[in-house]
PDB file of all heavy atoms in Angstrom:
ATOM      1  N   HIS A   1      -4.382  -6.691  30.975  1.00  0.00           N
ATOM      2  CA  HIS A   1      -4.949  -5.869  29.895  1.00  0.00           C
ATOM      3  C   HIS A   1      -6.470  -5.629  30.165  1.00  0.00           C
ATOM      4  O   HIS A   1      -7.224  -5.395  29.232  1.00  0.00           O
ATOM      5  CB  HIS A   1      -4.765  -6.459  28.525  1.00  0.00           C
ATOM      6  CG  HIS A   1      -3.336  -6.562  28.142  1.00  0.00           C
ATOM      7  ND1 HIS A   1      -2.500  -7.640  28.484  1.00  0.00           N
ATOM      8  CD2 HIS A   1      -2.555  -5.691  27.508  1.00  0.00           C
ATOM      9  CE1 HIS A   1      -1.327  -7.429  28.054  1.00  0.00           C
ATOM     10  NE2 HIS A   1      -1.285  -6.247  27.439  1.00  0.00           N
ATOM     11  N   ILE A   2      -6.884  -5.680  31.423  1.00  0.00           N
ATOM     12  CA  ILE A   2      -8.292  -5.638  31.760  1.00  0.00           C
ATOM     13  C   ILE A   2      -8.955  -4.309  31.276  1.00  0.00           C
ATOM     14  O   ILE A   2     -10.119  -4.281  30.914  1.00  0.00           O
ATOM     15  CB  ILE A   2      -8.570  -5.885  33.245  1.00  0.00           C
ATOM     16  CG1 ILE A   2     -10.017  -6.239  33.505  1.00  0.00           C
ATOM     17  CG2 ILE A   2      -8.163  -4.675  34.106  1.00  0.00           C
ATOM     18  CD1 ILE A   2     -10.439  -7.525  32.902  1.00  0.00           C
ATOM     19  N   ASN A   3      -8.166  -3.216  31.219  1.00  0.00           N
ATOM     20  CA  ASN A   3      -8.726  -1.922  30.753  1.00  0.00           C
ATOM     21  C   ASN A   3      -9.157  -2.031  29.294  1.00  0.00           C
ATOM     22  O   ASN A   3     -10.000  -1.219  28.856  1.00  0.00           O
ATOM     23  CB  ASN A   3      -7.737  -0.795  30.968  1.00  0.00           C
ATOM     24  CG  ASN A   3      -7.627  -0.449  32.449  1.00  0.00           C
ATOM     25  OD1 ASN A   3      -8.531  -0.682  33.211  1.00  0.00           O
ATOM     26  ND2 ASN A   3      -6.516   0.094  32.814  1.00  0.00           N
ATOM     27  N   CYS A   4      -8.603  -2.944  28.516  1.00  0.00           N
ATOM     28  CA  CYS A   4      -9.001  -3.139  27.117  1.00  0.00           C
ATOM     29  C   CYS A   4     -10.420  -3.687  27.015  1.00  0.00           C
ATOM     30  O   CYS A   4     -11.016  -3.575  25.953  1.00  0.00           O
ATOM     31  CB  CYS A   4      -8.023  -4.051  26.409  1.00  0.00           C
ATOM     32  SG  CYS A   4      -6.346  -3.421  26.290  1.00  0.00           S
ATOM     33  N   PHE A   5     -10.925  -4.202  28.092  1.00  0.00           N
ATOM     34  CA  PHE A   5     -12.307  -4.719  28.139  1.00  0.00           C
ATOM     35  C   PHE A   5     -13.230  -3.821  28.919  1.00  0.00           C
ATOM     36  O   PHE A   5     -14.415  -3.835  28.772  1.00  0.00           O
ATOM     37  CB  PHE A   5     -12.314  -6.137  28.700  1.00  0.00           C
ATOM     38  CG  PHE A   5     -11.530  -7.149  27.863  1.00  0.00           C
ATOM     39  CD1 PHE A   5     -10.264  -7.472  28.165  1.00  0.00           C
ATOM     40  CD2 PHE A   5     -12.163  -7.742  26.772  1.00  0.00           C
ATOM     41  CE1 PHE A   5      -9.563  -8.403  27.347  1.00  0.00           C
ATOM     42  CE2 PHE A   5     -11.493  -8.652  25.978  1.00  0.00           C
ATOM     43  CZ  PHE A   5     -10.168  -8.975  26.268  1.00  0.00           C
ATOM     44  N   GLN A   6     -12.679  -3.078  29.871  1.00  0.00           N
ATOM     45  CA  GLN A   6     -13.497  -2.261  30.754  1.00  0.00           C
ATOM     46  C   GLN A   6     -13.611  -0.788  30.397  1.00  0.00           C
ATOM     47  O   GLN A   6     -14.585  -0.169  30.743  1.00  0.00           O
ATOM     48  CB  GLN A   6     -12.924  -2.300  32.203  1.00  0.00           C
ATOM     49  CG  GLN A   6     -13.226  -3.568  32.960  1.00  0.00           C
ATOM     50  CD  GLN A   6     -12.779  -3.447  34.389  1.00  0.00           C
ATOM     51  OE1 GLN A   6     -11.606  -3.176  34.712  1.00  0.00           O
ATOM     52  NE2 GLN A   6     -13.710  -3.710  35.312  1.00  0.00           N
ATOM     53  N   GLY A   7     -12.634  -0.285  29.696  1.00  0.00           N
ATOM     54  CA  GLY A   7     -12.640   1.179  29.447  1.00  0.00           C
ATOM     55  C   GLY A   7     -13.705   1.609  28.489  1.00  0.00           C
ATOM     56  O   GLY A   7     -14.081   0.923  27.528  1.00  0.00           O
ATOM     57  N   GLU A   8     -14.166   2.841  28.705  1.00  0.00           N
ATOM     58  CA  GLU A   8     -15.161   3.420  27.799  1.00  0.00           C
ATOM     59  C   GLU A   8     -14.488   3.567  26.427  1.00  0.00           C
ATOM     60  O   GLU A   8     -13.327   3.953  26.318  1.00  0.00           O
ATOM     61  CB  GLU A   8     -15.648   4.763  28.279  1.00  0.00           C
ATOM     62  CG  GLU A   8     -16.909   4.647  29.074  1.00  0.00           C
ATOM     63  CD  GLU A   8     -17.515   6.006  29.358  1.00  0.00           C
ATOM     64  OE1 GLU A   8     -17.849   6.721  28.402  1.00  0.00           O
ATOM     65  OE2 GLU A   8     -17.613   6.338  30.553  1.00  0.00           O
ATOM     66  N   GLY A   9     -15.214   3.209  25.372  1.00  0.00           N
ATOM     67  CA  GLY A   9     -14.638   3.302  24.026  1.00  0.00           C
ATOM     68  C   GLY A   9     -13.717   2.141  23.677  1.00  0.00           C
ATOM     69  O   GLY A   9     -13.116   2.183  22.607  1.00  0.00           O
ATOM     70  N   SER A  10     -13.603   1.185  24.551  1.00  0.00           N
ATOM     71  CA  SER A  10     -12.713   0.047  24.325  1.00  0.00           C
ATOM     72  C   SER A  10     -13.282  -1.042  23.399  1.00  0.00           C
ATOM     73  O   SER A  10     -12.572  -1.918  22.956  1.00  0.00           O
ATOM     74  CB  SER A  10     -12.308  -0.592  25.665  1.00  0.00           C
ATOM     75  OG  SER A  10     -13.466  -1.208  26.250  1.00  0.00           O
ATOM     76  N   HIS A  11     -14.587  -1.019  23.187  1.00  0.00           N
ATOM     77  CA  HIS A  11     -15.284  -2.062  22.422  1.00  0.00           C
ATOM     78  C   HIS A  11     -15.092  -3.376  23.115  1.00  0.00           C
ATOM     79  O   HIS A  11     -14.966  -4.439  22.497  1.00  0.00           O
ATOM     80  CB  HIS A  11     -14.754  -2.170  20.983  1.00  0.00           C
ATOM     81  CG  HIS A  11     -14.762  -0.882  20.193  1.00  0.00           C
ATOM     82  ND1 HIS A  11     -15.978  -0.289  19.810  1.00  0.00           N
ATOM     83  CD2 HIS A  11     -13.788  -0.093  19.734  1.00  0.00           C
ATOM     84  CE1 HIS A  11     -15.700   0.797  19.137  1.00  0.00           C
ATOM     85  NE2 HIS A  11     -14.400   0.957  19.108  1.00  0.00           N
ATOM     86  N   GLY A  12     -15.062  -3.377  24.465  1.00  0.00           N
ATOM     87  CA  GLY A  12     -14.783  -4.585  25.270  1.00  0.00           C
ATOM     88  C   GLY A  12     -15.635  -5.780  24.978  1.00  0.00           C
ATOM     89  O   GLY A  12     -15.131  -6.893  24.945  1.00  0.00           O
ATOM     90  N   VAL A  13     -16.919  -5.586  24.799  1.00  0.00           N
ATOM     91  CA  VAL A  13     -17.856  -6.706  24.544  1.00  0.00           C
ATOM     92  C   VAL A  13     -17.554  -7.290  23.161  1.00  0.00           C
ATOM     93  O   VAL A  13     -17.553  -8.504  22.995  1.00  0.00           O
ATOM     94  CB  VAL A  13     -19.355  -6.316  24.710  1.00  0.00           C
ATOM     95  CG1 VAL A  13     -20.225  -7.437  24.347  1.00  0.00           C
ATOM     96  CG2 VAL A  13     -19.561  -5.900  26.161  1.00  0.00           C
ATOM     97  N   ILE A  14     -17.300  -6.477  22.167  1.00  0.00           N
ATOM     98  CA  ILE A  14     -16.982  -6.972  20.827  1.00  0.00           C
ATOM     99  C   ILE A  14     -15.656  -7.741  20.880  1.00  0.00           C
ATOM    100  O   ILE A  14     -15.542  -8.776  20.279  1.00  0.00           O
ATOM    101  CB  ILE A  14     -16.898  -5.826  19.782  1.00  0.00           C
ATOM    102  CG1 ILE A  14     -18.304  -5.168  19.619  1.00  0.00           C
ATOM    103  CG2 ILE A  14     -16.392  -6.361  18.425  1.00  0.00           C
ATOM    104  CD1 ILE A  14     -18.289  -3.934  18.739  1.00  0.00           C
ATOM    105  N   LEU A  15     -14.662  -7.193  21.536  1.00  0.00           N
ATOM    106  CA  LEU A  15     -13.388  -7.891  21.674  1.00  0.00           C
ATOM    107  C   LEU A  15     -13.575  -9.274  22.321  1.00  0.00           C
ATOM    108  O   LEU A  15     -12.953 -10.229  21.875  1.00  0.00           O
ATOM    109  CB  LEU A  15     -12.370  -7.081  22.498  1.00  0.00           C
ATOM    110  CG  LEU A  15     -11.800  -5.881  21.768  1.00  0.00           C
ATOM    111  CD1 LEU A  15     -10.904  -5.124  22.756  1.00  0.00           C
ATOM    112  CD2 LEU A  15     -10.998  -6.291  20.570  1.00  0.00           C
ATOM    113  N   PHE A  16     -14.410  -9.345  23.339  1.00  0.00           N
ATOM    114  CA  PHE A  16     -14.662 -10.633  23.985  1.00  0.00           C
ATOM    115  C   PHE A  16     -15.405 -11.558  23.047  1.00  0.00           C
ATOM    116  O   PHE A  16     -15.077 -12.758  22.956  1.00  0.00           O
ATOM    117  CB  PHE A  16     -15.482 -10.408  25.281  1.00  0.00           C
ATOM    118  CG  PHE A  16     -15.711 -11.670  25.980  1.00  0.00           C
ATOM    119  CD1 PHE A  16     -14.702 -12.491  26.496  1.00  0.00           C
ATOM    120  CD2 PHE A  16     -17.038 -12.144  26.155  1.00  0.00           C
ATOM    121  CE1 PHE A  16     -14.929 -13.697  27.140  1.00  0.00           C
ATOM    122  CE2 PHE A  16     -17.294 -13.295  26.811  1.00  0.00           C
ATOM    123  CZ  PHE A  16     -16.228 -14.084  27.315  1.00  0.00           C
ATOM    124  N   LEU A  17     -16.358 -11.055  22.233  1.00  0.00           N
ATOM    125  CA  LEU A  17     -17.060 -11.898  21.313  1.00  0.00           C
ATOM    126  C   LEU A  17     -16.083 -12.459  20.253  1.00  0.00           C
ATOM    127  O   LEU A  17     -16.114 -13.646  19.964  1.00  0.00           O
ATOM    128  CB  LEU A  17     -18.167 -11.073  20.625  1.00  0.00           C
ATOM    129  CG  LEU A  17     -18.970 -11.809  19.559  1.00  0.00           C
ATOM    130  CD1 LEU A  17     -19.723 -13.017  20.153  1.00  0.00           C
ATOM    131  CD2 LEU A  17     -20.005 -10.884  18.889  1.00  0.00           C
ATOM    132  N   TYR A  18     -15.225 -11.602  19.688  1.00  0.00           N
ATOM    133  CA  TYR A  18     -14.195 -12.101  18.775  1.00  0.00           C
ATOM    134  C   TYR A  18     -13.292 -13.150  19.467  1.00  0.00           C
ATOM    135  O   TYR A  18     -12.973 -14.167  18.854  1.00  0.00           O
ATOM    136  CB  TYR A  18     -13.310 -10.929  18.297  1.00  0.00           C
ATOM    137  CG  TYR A  18     -13.831 -10.213  17.065  1.00  0.00           C
ATOM    138  CD1 TYR A  18     -14.212  -8.881  17.150  1.00  0.00           C
ATOM    139  CD2 TYR A  18     -13.920 -10.865  15.836  1.00  0.00           C
ATOM    140  CE1 TYR A  18     -14.671  -8.193  16.015  1.00  0.00           C
ATOM    141  CE2 TYR A  18     -14.368 -10.187  14.732  1.00  0.00           C
ATOM    142  CZ  TYR A  18     -14.740  -8.878  14.793  1.00  0.00           C
ATOM    143  OH  TYR A  18     -15.190  -8.198  13.721  1.00  0.00           O
ATOM    144  N   SER A  19     -12.895 -12.912  20.693  1.00  0.00           N
ATOM    145  CA  SER A  19     -12.079 -13.823  21.436  1.00  0.00           C
ATOM    146  C   SER A  19     -12.785 -15.208  21.583  1.00  0.00           C
ATOM    147  O   SER A  19     -12.153 -16.256  21.433  1.00  0.00           O
ATOM    148  CB  SER A  19     -11.727 -13.304  22.796  1.00  0.00           C
ATOM    149  OG  SER A  19     -11.000 -12.108  22.714  1.00  0.00           O
ATOM    150  N   LEU A  20     -14.068 -15.151  21.846  1.00  0.00           N
ATOM    151  CA  LEU A  20     -14.818 -16.419  21.969  1.00  0.00           C
ATOM    152  C   LEU A  20     -14.839 -17.157  20.646  1.00  0.00           C
ATOM    153  O   LEU A  20     -14.598 -18.376  20.630  1.00  0.00           O
ATOM    154  CB  LEU A  20     -16.301 -16.109  22.343  1.00  0.00           C
ATOM    155  CG  LEU A  20     -16.619 -15.920  23.792  1.00  0.00           C
ATOM    156  CD1 LEU A  20     -18.024 -15.415  23.956  1.00  0.00           C
ATOM    157  CD2 LEU A  20     -16.403 -17.190  24.601  1.00  0.00           C
ATOM    158  N   LEU A  21     -15.090 -16.461  19.556  1.00  0.00           N
ATOM    159  CA  LEU A  21     -15.113 -17.118  18.250  1.00  0.00           C
ATOM    160  C   LEU A  21     -13.751 -17.687  17.881  1.00  0.00           C
ATOM    161  O   LEU A  21     -13.674 -18.864  17.384  1.00  0.00           O
ATOM    162  CB  LEU A  21     -15.559 -16.109  17.180  1.00  0.00           C
ATOM    163  CG  LEU A  21     -16.948 -15.624  17.252  1.00  0.00           C
ATOM    164  CD1 LEU A  21     -17.209 -14.468  16.309  1.00  0.00           C
ATOM    165  CD2 LEU A  21     -17.956 -16.779  17.040  1.00  0.00           C
ATOM    166  N   PHE A  22     -12.676 -16.986  18.112  1.00  0.00           N
ATOM    167  CA  PHE A  22     -11.354 -17.510  17.792  1.00  0.00           C
ATOM    168  C   PHE A  22     -10.913 -18.593  18.725  1.00  0.00           C
ATOM    169  O   PHE A  22     -10.179 -19.495  18.334  1.00  0.00           O
ATOM    170  CB  PHE A  22     -10.372 -16.378  17.722  1.00  0.00           C
ATOM    171  CG  PHE A  22     -10.390 -15.559  16.479  1.00  0.00           C
ATOM    172  CD1 PHE A  22     -10.864 -14.266  16.482  1.00  0.00           C
ATOM    173  CD2 PHE A  22     -10.043 -16.109  15.242  1.00  0.00           C
ATOM    174  CE1 PHE A  22     -10.921 -13.472  15.335  1.00  0.00           C
ATOM    175  CE2 PHE A  22     -10.105 -15.392  14.094  1.00  0.00           C
ATOM    176  CZ  PHE A  22     -10.558 -14.065  14.120  1.00  0.00           C
ATOM    177  N   SER A  23     -11.368 -18.549  19.984  1.00  0.00           N
ATOM    178  CA  SER A  23     -11.068 -19.627  20.946  1.00  0.00           C
ATOM    179  C   SER A  23     -11.736 -20.896  20.543  1.00  0.00           C
ATOM    180  O   SER A  23     -11.172 -22.023  20.631  1.00  0.00           O
ATOM    181  CB  SER A  23     -11.466 -19.213  22.351  1.00  0.00           C
ATOM    182  OG  SER A  23     -10.673 -18.212  22.845  1.00  0.00           O
ATOM    183  N   ARG A  24     -12.959 -20.783  20.063  1.00  0.00           N
ATOM    184  CA  ARG A  24     -13.762 -21.961  19.707  1.00  0.00           C
ATOM    185  C   ARG A  24     -13.282 -22.598  18.391  1.00  0.00           C
ATOM    186  O   ARG A  24     -13.443 -23.775  18.206  1.00  0.00           O
ATOM    187  CB  ARG A  24     -15.212 -21.517  19.524  1.00  0.00           C
ATOM    188  CG  ARG A  24     -16.200 -22.614  19.197  1.00  0.00           C
ATOM    189  CD  ARG A  24     -16.380 -23.525  20.388  1.00  0.00           C
ATOM    190  NE  ARG A  24     -17.313 -24.536  20.016  1.00  0.00           N
ATOM    191  CZ  ARG A  24     -17.513 -25.627  20.693  1.00  0.00           C
ATOM    192  NH1 ARG A  24     -16.797 -25.851  21.788  1.00  0.00           N
ATOM    193  NH2 ARG A  24     -18.332 -26.520  20.308  1.00  0.00           N
TER     194      ARG A  24
END
């Protein structure tokens, strides 16, 4: 699902930030 983080308009950095918070 790498395009969910790389694609324009994907909000990839926000998704990763949420992922970090939920992982922690």
